Amino acid sequence: MRLQMGRVTIMAQSIARTDLSRTVSGSLVWFYAPGHGRYIFSLTPRPDLGFVQAGEIRGGLATFTVDKDEVLLESPA
């Protein structure tokens, strides 16, 4: 997976517009949202790590829910 950081929206509040030059790639990628913590993505099941399916990635948009937080991450790549 390849993730280029864009805008992060949590509970309909835009919380960050990150440096678009920051790109991460690998089988696990993560980003940190100030005041909310770290979010780790995997495209494959990871029961050994306690991961559960929390949302979906379509094109440049990741949407997921953790606890009561609805998160949208826009990625240009």
Protein backbone atom coordinates (compact mmCIF):
# COMPACT_ATOMS: atom_id res chain seq x y z
CA MET A 1 0.00 0.00 0.00
CA ARG A 2 1.15 3.56 -0.72
CA LEU A 3 -0.29 6.53 1.16
CA GLN A 4 0.43 10.17 0.40
CA MET A 5 -0.82 12.31 3.24
CA GLY A 6 -3.62 14.76 2.50
CA ARG A 7 -6.54 16.09 4.53
CA VAL A 8 -7.76 14.23 7.63
CA THR A 9 -11.32 14.73 8.86
CA ILE A 10 -12.56 13.26 12.15
CA MET A 11 -16.22 13.57 13.11
CA ALA A 12 -16.78 16.11 10.30
CA GLN A 13 -14.00 18.37 11.62
CA SER A 14 -10.95 18.91 9.46
CA ILE A 15 -8.10 18.37 11.88
CA ALA A 16 -5.05 18.32 9.66
CA ARG A 17 -3.80 19.15 6.23
CA THR A 18 -0.45 17.50 6.20
CA ASP A 19 2.65 17.91 4.10
CA LEU A 20 1.69 16.40 0.73
CA SER A 21 5.30 15.44 0.12
CA ARG A 22 5.11 12.87 2.93
CA THR A 23 4.48 9.44 1.44
CA VAL A 24 4.57 6.11 3.24
CA SER A 25 4.41 2.63 1.77
CA GLY A 26 4.49 -0.96 2.95
CA SER A 27 2.23 -3.78 4.09
CA LEU A 28 1.32 -1.68 7.16
CA VAL A 29 1.14 2.11 6.95
CA TRP A 30 0.15 4.56 9.64
CA PHE A 31 -0.55 8.19 10.36
CA TYR A 32 -0.88 10.18 13.58
CA ALA A 33 -3.78 12.57 14.22
CA PRO A 34 -3.06 15.04 17.06
CA GLY A 35 -5.51 14.55 19.90
CA HIS A 36 -6.74 11.23 18.48
CA GLY A 37 -3.72 8.96 18.20
CA ARG A 38 -2.14 6.69 15.62
CA TYR A 39 -4.12 4.85 12.94
CA ILE A 40 -2.57 1.82 11.26
CA PHE A 41 -3.78 0.49 7.88
CA SER A 42 -3.52 -3.02 6.48
CA LEU A 43 -5.19 -4.31 3.32
CA THR A 44 -5.06 -7.89 4.56
CA PRO A 45 -6.50 -9.46 7.73
CA ARG A 46 -4.12 -9.32 10.71
CA PRO A 47 -5.84 -11.30 13.51
CA ASP A 48 -2.45 -11.83 15.21
CA LEU A 49 -2.28 -8.04 15.72
CA GLY A 50 -5.93 -7.70 16.80
CA PHE A 51 -6.91 -5.77 13.66
CA VAL A 52 -10.57 -5.72 12.66
CA GLN A 53 -12.15 -4.38 9.49
CA ALA A 54 -13.14 -0.82 10.34
CA GLY A 55 -13.76 0.73 6.93
CA GLU A 56 -12.71 0.83 3.32
CA ILE A 57 -10.28 2.42 0.90
CA ARG A 58 -11.59 3.52 -2.50
CA GLY A 59 -9.26 5.36 -4.81
CA GLY A 60 -7.81 8.24 -2.82
CA LEU A 61 -10.28 8.12 0.08
CA ALA A 62 -10.06 5.99 3.21
CA THR A 63 -13.12 5.95 5.46
CA PHE A 64 -13.29 4.09 8.75
CA THR A 65 -14.74 4.15 12.25
CA VAL A 66 -12.80 3.59 15.46
CA ASP A 67 -14.83 3.66 18.66
CA LYS A 68 -17.21 6.55 17.91
CA ASP A 69 -14.82 8.49 15.65
CA GLU A 70 -15.67 8.55 11.94
CA VAL A 71 -12.45 9.24 10.05
CA LEU A 72 -11.90 10.32 6.43
CA LEU A 73 -8.42 10.46 4.98
CA GLU A 74 -7.91 11.99 1.55
CA SER A 75 -4.78 10.78 -0.23
CA PRO A 76 -3.76 12.12 -3.63
CA ALA A 77 -1.78 8.90 -4.25
